Amino acid sequence: MIKTFQQTTSSEQETIALGETLSRYLMPGDVVALLGELGSGKTCLVRGICKGLECADQVTSPTFTLINEYRGRFPVYHFDFYRLESEQEIFDLGYEEYFFGDGICLVEWAERALPLLPQNYIEIRLRSFFEPGRQNCRELSLTIHGKEMQKRKFLAFFHHDQILES
C-alpha cells in the first residue's frame, strides 16, 4: 500500500513553512524527489527544508551548477536535473555517492532520474494553480516509497492532510 498525503499552500511563505516542517522528519540518507513544472515551487520548498535544517547558505536553484551543497544539521545536496538529457549525465555526476551517502538529497526534476532513485524515497509533486484573491497557490502531494520510509511517521507532516491509499 502506497500512502499519499496532500496539502495546499497559498503563498511562498506557506510553502517555505511546509518545507521547514518536512525537515523535522528527514534523516541522513533520505532522498526527496521533487517533481513539477517550472515555477511550481520546488526551489521554494527546498528553501524551507534548508531553513529547518539550519543551513546558513542562501538557497538557489542549481540549474546551471547541477548541484549545490549546504551545511546544516546534516549535509544537504540540492540537485537540479532540468538540463540533463540522459541517465549517463547523472552517472557522470557521481550521484551514487550522494544518494547513498550521509546527507539529505533534494532532487528537482527527479523524473529524469526515477530509475536511479533508491528503493526508499519520498516523492513530492508540486502543482501551481490560480485561485482568486490568492497568489502562489500550490498543491503538494507527498508519496512515501519503500517499506522503510512507510514505517516513519510522515502523517504528522500534513496536519490538514487528505490521505489517499492505493
N, C-alpha and C. Protein backbone atom coordinates (compact mmCIF):
# COMPACT_ATOMS: atom_id res chain seq x y z
N MET A 1 0.85 -1.17 0.00
CA MET A 1 0.00 0.00 0.00
C MET A 1 0.90 1.24 0.00
N ILE A 2 0.66 2.12 -0.94
CA ILE A 2 1.39 3.38 -1.02
C ILE A 2 0.51 4.46 -0.44
N LYS A 3 1.07 5.27 0.45
CA LYS A 3 0.30 6.37 1.04
C LYS A 3 0.71 7.68 0.40
N THR A 4 -0.29 8.48 0.07
CA THR A 4 -0.06 9.81 -0.48
C THR A 4 -0.77 10.81 0.41
N PHE A 5 -0.06 11.87 0.76
CA PHE A 5 -0.62 12.95 1.56
C PHE A 5 -0.68 14.20 0.69
N GLN A 6 -1.73 14.98 0.82
CA GLN A 6 -1.86 16.20 0.02
C GLN A 6 -2.02 17.41 0.92
N GLN A 7 -1.45 18.52 0.46
CA GLN A 7 -1.55 19.79 1.18
C GLN A 7 -1.56 20.91 0.15
N THR A 8 -2.25 21.97 0.46
CA THR A 8 -2.29 23.15 -0.40
C THR A 8 -1.70 24.33 0.36
N THR A 9 -0.89 25.12 -0.34
CA THR A 9 -0.38 26.36 0.24
C THR A 9 -0.85 27.51 -0.64
N SER A 10 -0.95 28.69 -0.06
CA SER A 10 -1.46 29.83 -0.82
C SER A 10 -0.47 30.98 -0.91
N SER A 11 0.77 30.74 -0.51
CA SER A 11 1.79 31.78 -0.63
C SER A 11 3.18 31.13 -0.59
N GLU A 12 4.16 31.90 -1.01
CA GLU A 12 5.53 31.42 -0.95
C GLU A 12 5.92 31.14 0.50
N GLN A 13 5.48 32.01 1.41
CA GLN A 13 5.80 31.84 2.83
C GLN A 13 5.22 30.53 3.38
N GLU A 14 4.01 30.18 2.97
CA GLU A 14 3.40 28.92 3.43
C GLU A 14 4.16 27.72 2.88
N THR A 15 4.63 27.82 1.63
CA THR A 15 5.39 26.71 1.04
C THR A 15 6.72 26.55 1.77
N ILE A 16 7.37 27.66 2.09
CA ILE A 16 8.62 27.60 2.86
C ILE A 16 8.35 27.00 4.23
N ALA A 17 7.27 27.41 4.88
CA ALA A 17 6.93 26.87 6.21
C ALA A 17 6.66 25.37 6.14
N LEU A 18 6.03 24.92 5.06
CA LEU A 18 5.76 23.49 4.89
C LEU A 18 7.07 22.72 4.73
N GLY A 19 8.01 23.30 3.97
CA GLY A 19 9.33 22.68 3.83
C GLY A 19 10.06 22.61 5.16
N GLU A 20 9.93 23.67 5.94
CA GLU A 20 10.56 23.69 7.26
C GLU A 20 9.99 22.58 8.15
N THR A 21 8.68 22.39 8.08
CA THR A 21 8.04 21.32 8.84
C THR A 21 8.53 19.96 8.36
N LEU A 22 8.59 19.77 7.05
CA LEU A 22 9.06 18.49 6.50
C LEU A 22 10.47 18.17 6.98
N SER A 23 11.31 19.18 7.12
CA SER A 23 12.71 18.95 7.52
C SER A 23 12.81 18.20 8.84
N ARG A 24 11.82 18.34 9.71
CA ARG A 24 11.85 17.67 11.01
C ARG A 24 11.75 16.15 10.88
N TYR A 25 11.27 15.68 9.74
CA TYR A 25 11.07 14.25 9.52
C TYR A 25 12.15 13.62 8.67
N LEU A 26 13.08 14.44 8.19
CA LEU A 26 14.14 13.93 7.31
C LEU A 26 15.35 13.50 8.11
N MET A 27 16.05 12.49 7.59
CA MET A 27 17.23 11.95 8.24
C MET A 27 18.34 11.78 7.20
N PRO A 28 19.60 11.74 7.65
CA PRO A 28 20.68 11.47 6.71
C PRO A 28 20.40 10.18 5.93
N GLY A 29 20.67 10.23 4.64
CA GLY A 29 20.40 9.10 3.76
C GLY A 29 19.09 9.23 3.00
N ASP A 30 18.24 10.19 3.39
CA ASP A 30 16.96 10.37 2.70
C ASP A 30 17.15 11.03 1.35
N VAL A 31 16.35 10.59 0.40
CA VAL A 31 16.29 11.20 -0.93
C VAL A 31 14.87 11.70 -1.13
N VAL A 32 14.75 12.98 -1.49
CA VAL A 32 13.44 13.59 -1.75
C VAL A 32 13.40 13.96 -3.23
N ALA A 33 12.50 13.32 -3.97
CA ALA A 33 12.32 13.58 -5.40
C ALA A 33 11.26 14.66 -5.56
N LEU A 34 11.64 15.78 -6.17
CA LEU A 34 10.73 16.91 -6.37
C LEU A 34 10.34 16.97 -7.84
N LEU A 35 9.04 16.84 -8.11
CA LEU A 35 8.54 16.83 -9.47
C LEU A 35 7.53 17.95 -9.64
N GLY A 36 7.57 18.60 -10.78
CA GLY A 36 6.62 19.67 -11.07
C GLY A 36 7.13 20.55 -12.19
N GLU A 37 6.23 21.29 -12.77
CA GLU A 37 6.57 22.18 -13.88
C GLU A 37 7.44 23.35 -13.39
N LEU A 38 7.98 24.10 -14.34
CA LEU A 38 8.71 25.32 -14.00
C LEU A 38 7.80 26.23 -13.18
N GLY A 39 8.33 26.79 -12.11
CA GLY A 39 7.57 27.72 -11.30
C GLY A 39 6.57 27.09 -10.35
N SER A 40 6.64 25.77 -10.18
CA SER A 40 5.67 25.11 -9.31
C SER A 40 6.04 25.18 -7.83
N GLY A 41 7.24 25.66 -7.51
CA GLY A 41 7.61 25.85 -6.11
C GLY A 41 8.64 24.88 -5.56
N LYS A 42 9.33 24.16 -6.43
CA LYS A 42 10.32 23.19 -5.97
C LYS A 42 11.44 23.85 -5.17
N THR A 43 12.05 24.88 -5.72
CA THR A 43 13.14 25.55 -5.02
C THR A 43 12.63 26.25 -3.76
N CYS A 44 11.44 26.77 -3.81
CA CYS A 44 10.83 27.41 -2.64
C CYS A 44 10.70 26.39 -1.50
N LEU A 45 10.24 25.19 -1.81
CA LEU A 45 10.12 24.13 -0.80
C LEU A 45 11.50 23.76 -0.26
N VAL A 46 12.50 23.69 -1.14
CA VAL A 46 13.87 23.39 -0.72
C VAL A 46 14.37 24.46 0.25
N ARG A 47 14.04 25.73 -0.01
CA ARG A 47 14.43 26.81 0.92
C ARG A 47 13.91 26.52 2.32
N GLY A 48 12.66 26.10 2.39
CA GLY A 48 12.08 25.79 3.69
C GLY A 48 12.74 24.60 4.37
N ILE A 49 13.02 23.56 3.59
CA ILE A 49 13.70 22.39 4.15
C ILE A 49 15.06 22.80 4.70
N CYS A 50 15.80 23.56 3.92
CA CYS A 50 17.13 24.00 4.35
C CYS A 50 17.05 24.93 5.57
N LYS A 51 16.04 25.76 5.62
CA LYS A 51 15.85 26.62 6.79
C LYS A 51 15.64 25.76 8.03
N GLY A 52 14.80 24.74 7.91
CA GLY A 52 14.54 23.84 9.03
C GLY A 52 15.76 23.04 9.45
N LEU A 53 16.67 22.79 8.51
CA LEU A 53 17.89 22.05 8.81
C LEU A 53 19.04 22.97 9.20
N GLU A 54 18.72 24.26 9.38
CA GLU A 54 19.67 25.26 9.85
C GLU A 54 20.86 25.45 8.91
N CYS A 55 20.59 25.42 7.62
CA CYS A 55 21.64 25.70 6.62
C CYS A 55 21.85 27.20 6.56
N ALA A 56 23.08 27.62 6.69
CA ALA A 56 23.39 29.05 6.71
C ALA A 56 23.44 29.66 5.31
N ASP A 57 23.74 28.85 4.31
CA ASP A 57 23.90 29.36 2.95
C ASP A 57 22.57 29.78 2.34
N GLN A 58 22.65 30.74 1.41
CA GLN A 58 21.46 31.12 0.64
C GLN A 58 21.14 30.00 -0.34
N VAL A 59 19.88 29.60 -0.38
CA VAL A 59 19.46 28.51 -1.25
C VAL A 59 19.05 29.07 -2.60
N THR A 60 19.70 28.58 -3.65
CA THR A 60 19.37 28.97 -5.02
C THR A 60 19.21 27.71 -5.85
N SER A 61 18.53 27.84 -6.96
CA SER A 61 18.34 26.69 -7.84
C SER A 61 19.67 26.35 -8.52
N PRO A 62 20.07 25.09 -8.48
CA PRO A 62 21.32 24.69 -9.13
C PRO A 62 21.14 24.31 -10.61
N THR A 63 20.29 25.05 -11.32
CA THR A 63 20.00 24.72 -12.71
C THR A 63 21.27 24.64 -13.55
N PHE A 64 22.21 25.54 -13.34
CA PHE A 64 23.42 25.55 -14.16
C PHE A 64 24.60 24.86 -13.49
N THR A 65 24.60 24.79 -12.17
CA THR A 65 25.69 24.10 -11.47
C THR A 65 25.37 22.62 -11.26
N LEU A 66 24.11 22.24 -11.42
CA LEU A 66 23.58 20.88 -11.28
C LEU A 66 23.46 20.42 -9.83
N ILE A 67 24.36 20.88 -8.97
CA ILE A 67 24.26 20.51 -7.55
C ILE A 67 24.81 21.63 -6.68
N ASN A 68 24.07 21.94 -5.63
CA ASN A 68 24.54 22.85 -4.59
C ASN A 68 24.63 22.06 -3.29
N GLU A 69 25.67 22.33 -2.53
CA GLU A 69 25.83 21.67 -1.24
C GLU A 69 25.66 22.70 -0.14
N TYR A 70 24.89 22.34 0.87
CA TYR A 70 24.63 23.22 2.01
C TYR A 70 25.01 22.47 3.28
N ARG A 71 25.48 23.21 4.26
CA ARG A 71 25.83 22.63 5.55
C ARG A 71 24.85 23.12 6.60
N GLY A 72 24.26 22.19 7.28
CA GLY A 72 23.34 22.48 8.37
C GLY A 72 23.50 21.38 9.41
N ARG A 73 22.40 20.98 10.02
CA ARG A 73 22.48 19.86 10.97
C ARG A 73 23.00 18.61 10.29
N PHE A 74 22.68 18.47 8.99
CA PHE A 74 23.19 17.38 8.16
C PHE A 74 23.63 18.02 6.84
N PRO A 75 24.51 17.36 6.10
CA PRO A 75 24.80 17.85 4.76
C PRO A 75 23.54 17.76 3.89
N VAL A 76 23.32 18.76 3.07
CA VAL A 76 22.17 18.78 2.16
C VAL A 76 22.72 18.93 0.75
N TYR A 77 22.30 18.04 -0.14
CA TYR A 77 22.72 18.06 -1.54
C TYR A 77 21.49 18.36 -2.39
N HIS A 78 21.52 19.51 -3.04
CA HIS A 78 20.38 20.02 -3.80
C HIS A 78 20.70 19.88 -5.29
N PHE A 79 20.04 18.95 -5.95
CA PHE A 79 20.25 18.68 -7.37
C PHE A 79 19.17 19.35 -8.21
N ASP A 80 19.53 19.67 -9.45
CA ASP A 80 18.55 20.12 -10.44
C ASP A 80 18.90 19.43 -11.75
N PHE A 81 18.05 18.48 -12.16
CA PHE A 81 18.31 17.69 -13.36
C PHE A 81 17.61 18.25 -14.60
N TYR A 82 17.11 19.48 -14.53
CA TYR A 82 16.34 20.06 -15.64
C TYR A 82 17.10 20.01 -16.97
N ARG A 83 18.37 20.36 -16.95
CA ARG A 83 19.13 20.46 -18.20
C ARG A 83 19.74 19.13 -18.65
N LEU A 84 19.61 18.10 -17.85
CA LEU A 84 20.23 16.82 -18.22
C LEU A 84 19.36 16.08 -19.22
N GLU A 85 20.01 15.44 -20.16
CA GLU A 85 19.28 14.77 -21.23
C GLU A 85 19.36 13.25 -21.17
N SER A 86 20.23 12.72 -20.31
CA SER A 86 20.35 11.26 -20.25
C SER A 86 20.74 10.81 -18.84
N GLU A 87 20.46 9.55 -18.56
CA GLU A 87 20.88 8.98 -17.28
C GLU A 87 22.40 8.97 -17.16
N GLN A 88 23.09 8.86 -18.29
CA GLN A 88 24.55 8.85 -18.26
C GLN A 88 25.09 10.13 -17.64
N GLU A 89 24.46 11.26 -17.94
CA GLU A 89 24.90 12.52 -17.35
C GLU A 89 24.74 12.51 -15.83
N ILE A 90 23.71 11.82 -15.35
CA ILE A 90 23.51 11.70 -13.90
C ILE A 90 24.58 10.79 -13.31
N PHE A 91 24.92 9.70 -14.01
CA PHE A 91 26.01 8.84 -13.58
C PHE A 91 27.31 9.63 -13.50
N ASP A 92 27.55 10.49 -14.50
CA ASP A 92 28.78 11.27 -14.55
C ASP A 92 28.91 12.23 -13.37
N LEU A 93 27.80 12.61 -12.77
CA LEU A 93 27.83 13.47 -11.58
C LEU A 93 28.31 12.72 -10.34
N GLY A 94 28.33 11.40 -10.42
CA GLY A 94 28.66 10.60 -9.25
C GLY A 94 27.51 10.58 -8.25
N TYR A 95 26.30 10.52 -8.78
CA TYR A 95 25.10 10.62 -7.94
C TYR A 95 25.07 9.60 -6.81
N GLU A 96 25.64 8.41 -7.02
CA GLU A 96 25.57 7.35 -6.01
C GLU A 96 26.22 7.76 -4.70
N GLU A 97 27.31 8.53 -4.79
CA GLU A 97 27.97 9.00 -3.57
C GLU A 97 27.03 9.86 -2.74
N TYR A 98 26.17 10.59 -3.40
CA TYR A 98 25.22 11.46 -2.70
C TYR A 98 23.98 10.69 -2.27
N PHE A 99 23.36 9.97 -3.20
CA PHE A 99 22.10 9.27 -2.91
C PHE A 99 22.26 8.23 -1.81
N PHE A 100 23.44 7.63 -1.72
CA PHE A 100 23.67 6.58 -0.73
C PHE A 100 24.70 7.03 0.30
N GLY A 101 24.80 8.35 0.50
CA GLY A 101 25.77 8.92 1.42
C GLY A 101 25.17 9.33 2.75
N ASP A 102 25.83 10.28 3.38
CA ASP A 102 25.49 10.68 4.74
C ASP A 102 24.63 11.94 4.83
N GLY A 103 24.17 12.43 3.70
CA GLY A 103 23.39 13.67 3.72
C GLY A 103 21.96 13.43 3.27
N ILE A 104 21.26 14.53 3.08
CA ILE A 104 19.90 14.50 2.56
C ILE A 104 19.96 15.03 1.13
N CYS A 105 19.38 14.30 0.19
CA CYS A 105 19.37 14.70 -1.22
C CYS A 105 18.00 15.23 -1.59
N LEU A 106 17.98 16.44 -2.13
CA LEU A 106 16.76 17.08 -2.62
C LEU A 106 16.93 17.21 -4.13
N VAL A 107 16.10 16.51 -4.90
CA VAL A 107 16.33 16.38 -6.34
C VAL A 107 15.19 17.02 -7.13
N GLU A 108 15.47 18.21 -7.70
CA GLU A 108 14.49 18.85 -8.58
C GLU A 108 14.55 18.18 -9.95
N TRP A 109 13.40 18.08 -10.61
CA TRP A 109 13.27 17.42 -11.90
C TRP A 109 13.70 15.96 -11.79
N ALA A 110 13.29 15.34 -10.71
CA ALA A 110 13.67 13.95 -10.43
C ALA A 110 13.07 12.96 -11.42
N GLU A 111 12.08 13.39 -12.19
CA GLU A 111 11.50 12.48 -13.18
C GLU A 111 12.56 12.02 -14.17
N ARG A 112 13.65 12.76 -14.30
CA ARG A 112 14.73 12.37 -15.21
C ARG A 112 15.63 11.30 -14.59
N ALA A 113 15.41 10.98 -13.31
CA ALA A 113 16.28 10.03 -12.61
C ALA A 113 15.51 8.95 -11.86
N LEU A 114 14.22 8.82 -12.10
CA LEU A 114 13.41 7.87 -11.32
C LEU A 114 14.00 6.46 -11.26
N PRO A 115 14.51 5.91 -12.37
CA PRO A 115 15.07 4.55 -12.28
C PRO A 115 16.32 4.47 -11.40
N LEU A 116 16.96 5.60 -11.13
CA LEU A 116 18.20 5.61 -10.35
C LEU A 116 17.97 5.87 -8.87
N LEU A 117 16.76 6.23 -8.49
CA LEU A 117 16.48 6.53 -7.09
C LEU A 117 16.54 5.26 -6.25
N PRO A 118 16.91 5.40 -4.98
CA PRO A 118 16.92 4.22 -4.12
C PRO A 118 15.51 3.67 -3.93
N GLN A 119 15.41 2.50 -3.38
CA GLN A 119 14.11 1.86 -3.17
C GLN A 119 13.24 2.67 -2.20
N ASN A 120 13.85 3.26 -1.19
CA ASN A 120 13.13 4.06 -0.20
C ASN A 120 13.39 5.54 -0.47
N TYR A 121 12.35 6.25 -0.85
CA TYR A 121 12.49 7.69 -1.08
C TYR A 121 11.14 8.37 -0.91
N ILE A 122 11.18 9.68 -0.86
CA ILE A 122 9.98 10.50 -0.74
C ILE A 122 9.79 11.22 -2.06
N GLU A 123 8.59 11.17 -2.60
CA GLU A 123 8.27 11.88 -3.84
C GLU A 123 7.31 13.01 -3.49
N ILE A 124 7.64 14.21 -3.93
CA ILE A 124 6.74 15.35 -3.74
C ILE A 124 6.44 15.94 -5.11
N ARG A 125 5.18 15.90 -5.49
CA ARG A 125 4.72 16.51 -6.74
C ARG A 125 4.12 17.86 -6.39
N LEU A 126 4.57 18.89 -7.09
CA LEU A 126 4.07 20.23 -6.86
C LEU A 126 3.34 20.71 -8.10
N ARG A 127 2.25 21.40 -7.88
CA ARG A 127 1.46 21.95 -8.98
C ARG A 127 0.99 23.33 -8.55
N SER A 128 1.28 24.33 -9.38
CA SER A 128 0.79 25.68 -9.08
C SER A 128 -0.56 25.86 -9.76
N PHE A 129 -1.41 26.68 -9.14
CA PHE A 129 -2.72 26.95 -9.71
C PHE A 129 -3.17 28.33 -9.27
N PHE A 130 -4.18 28.85 -9.95
CA PHE A 130 -4.70 30.18 -9.66
C PHE A 130 -5.98 30.06 -8.85
N GLU A 131 -6.07 30.90 -7.85
CA GLU A 131 -7.29 30.99 -7.06
C GLU A 131 -7.53 32.48 -6.81
N PRO A 132 -8.70 33.00 -7.14
CA PRO A 132 -8.96 34.43 -6.97
C PRO A 132 -8.64 34.92 -5.56
N GLY A 133 -7.93 36.03 -5.50
CA GLY A 133 -7.60 36.64 -4.21
C GLY A 133 -6.40 36.03 -3.51
N ARG A 134 -5.79 35.03 -4.12
CA ARG A 134 -4.62 34.39 -3.51
C ARG A 134 -3.52 34.28 -4.55
N GLN A 135 -2.30 34.44 -4.11
CA GLN A 135 -1.16 34.35 -5.02
C GLN A 135 -0.32 33.13 -4.67
N ASN A 136 0.37 32.60 -5.65
CA ASN A 136 1.31 31.50 -5.43
C ASN A 136 0.67 30.27 -4.79
N CYS A 137 -0.52 29.90 -5.25
CA CYS A 137 -1.18 28.70 -4.73
C CYS A 137 -0.48 27.46 -5.29
N ARG A 138 -0.27 26.50 -4.40
CA ARG A 138 0.39 25.26 -4.81
C ARG A 138 -0.28 24.08 -4.14
N GLU A 139 -0.38 23.00 -4.89
CA GLU A 139 -0.83 21.74 -4.33
C GLU A 139 0.39 20.83 -4.26
N LEU A 140 0.62 20.26 -3.11
CA LEU A 140 1.75 19.36 -2.92
C LEU A 140 1.21 17.98 -2.56
N SER A 141 1.68 16.97 -3.27
CA SER A 141 1.33 15.58 -2.98
C SER A 141 2.60 14.85 -2.60
N LEU A 142 2.62 14.31 -1.40
CA LEU A 142 3.78 13.59 -0.90
C LEU A 142 3.47 12.10 -0.90
N THR A 143 4.31 11.33 -1.58
CA THR A 143 4.14 9.88 -1.64
C THR A 143 5.38 9.22 -1.04
N ILE A 144 5.13 8.27 -0.17
CA ILE A 144 6.20 7.55 0.50
C ILE A 144 6.46 6.26 -0.29
N HIS A 145 7.70 6.07 -0.73
CA HIS A 145 8.08 4.87 -1.48
C HIS A 145 9.01 4.01 -0.62
N GLY A 146 8.70 2.74 -0.54
CA GLY A 146 9.55 1.80 0.18
C GLY A 146 9.06 1.52 1.59
N LYS A 147 9.22 0.28 2.00
CA LYS A 147 8.72 -0.14 3.31
C LYS A 147 9.38 0.61 4.46
N GLU A 148 10.67 0.86 4.36
CA GLU A 148 11.36 1.56 5.46
C GLU A 148 10.81 2.97 5.64
N MET A 149 10.56 3.65 4.54
CA MET A 149 10.02 5.01 4.62
C MET A 149 8.60 4.99 5.16
N GLN A 150 7.81 3.98 4.80
CA GLN A 150 6.42 3.94 5.23
C GLN A 150 6.30 3.70 6.73
N LYS A 151 7.33 3.16 7.35
CA LYS A 151 7.30 2.96 8.79
C LYS A 151 7.43 4.28 9.55
N ARG A 152 8.01 5.28 8.89
CA ARG A 152 8.21 6.56 9.56
C ARG A 152 6.91 7.35 9.60
N LYS A 153 6.82 8.26 10.50
CA LYS A 153 5.55 8.94 10.79
C LYS A 153 5.41 10.24 10.03
N PHE A 154 5.20 10.14 8.73
CA PHE A 154 5.01 11.32 7.92
C PHE A 154 3.60 11.88 8.04
N LEU A 155 2.69 11.11 8.62
CA LEU A 155 1.31 11.57 8.74
C LEU A 155 1.25 12.91 9.46
N ALA A 156 2.08 13.10 10.46
CA ALA A 156 2.07 14.35 11.21
C ALA A 156 2.54 15.52 10.34
N PHE A 157 3.27 15.23 9.28
CA PHE A 157 3.75 16.30 8.40
C PHE A 157 2.59 17.08 7.80
N PHE A 158 1.60 16.37 7.35
CA PHE A 158 0.44 17.03 6.78
C PHE A 158 -0.66 17.06 7.82
N HIS A 159 -0.66 18.09 8.64
CA HIS A 159 -1.61 18.16 9.74
C HIS A 159 -3.03 18.42 9.26
N HIS A 160 -3.22 18.92 8.07
CA HIS A 160 -4.56 19.09 7.49
C HIS A 160 -4.64 18.21 6.24
N ASP A 161 -4.20 17.00 6.39
CA ASP A 161 -3.99 16.15 5.23
C ASP A 161 -5.23 15.43 4.75
N GLN A 162 -5.15 15.05 3.51
CA GLN A 162 -6.07 14.08 2.93
C GLN A 162 -5.18 12.89 2.60
N ILE A 163 -5.53 11.74 3.09
CA ILE A 163 -4.71 10.56 2.85
C ILE A 163 -5.36 9.75 1.74
N LEU A 164 -4.59 9.48 0.73
CA LEU A 164 -5.06 8.66 -0.39
C LEU A 164 -4.26 7.37 -0.36
N GLU A 165 -4.91 6.25 -0.31
CA GLU A 165 -4.20 4.98 -0.29
C GLU A 165 -4.45 4.25 -1.59
N SER A 166 -3.38 3.70 -2.14
CA SER A 166 -3.52 2.94 -3.39
C SER A 166 -2.75 1.65 -3.29
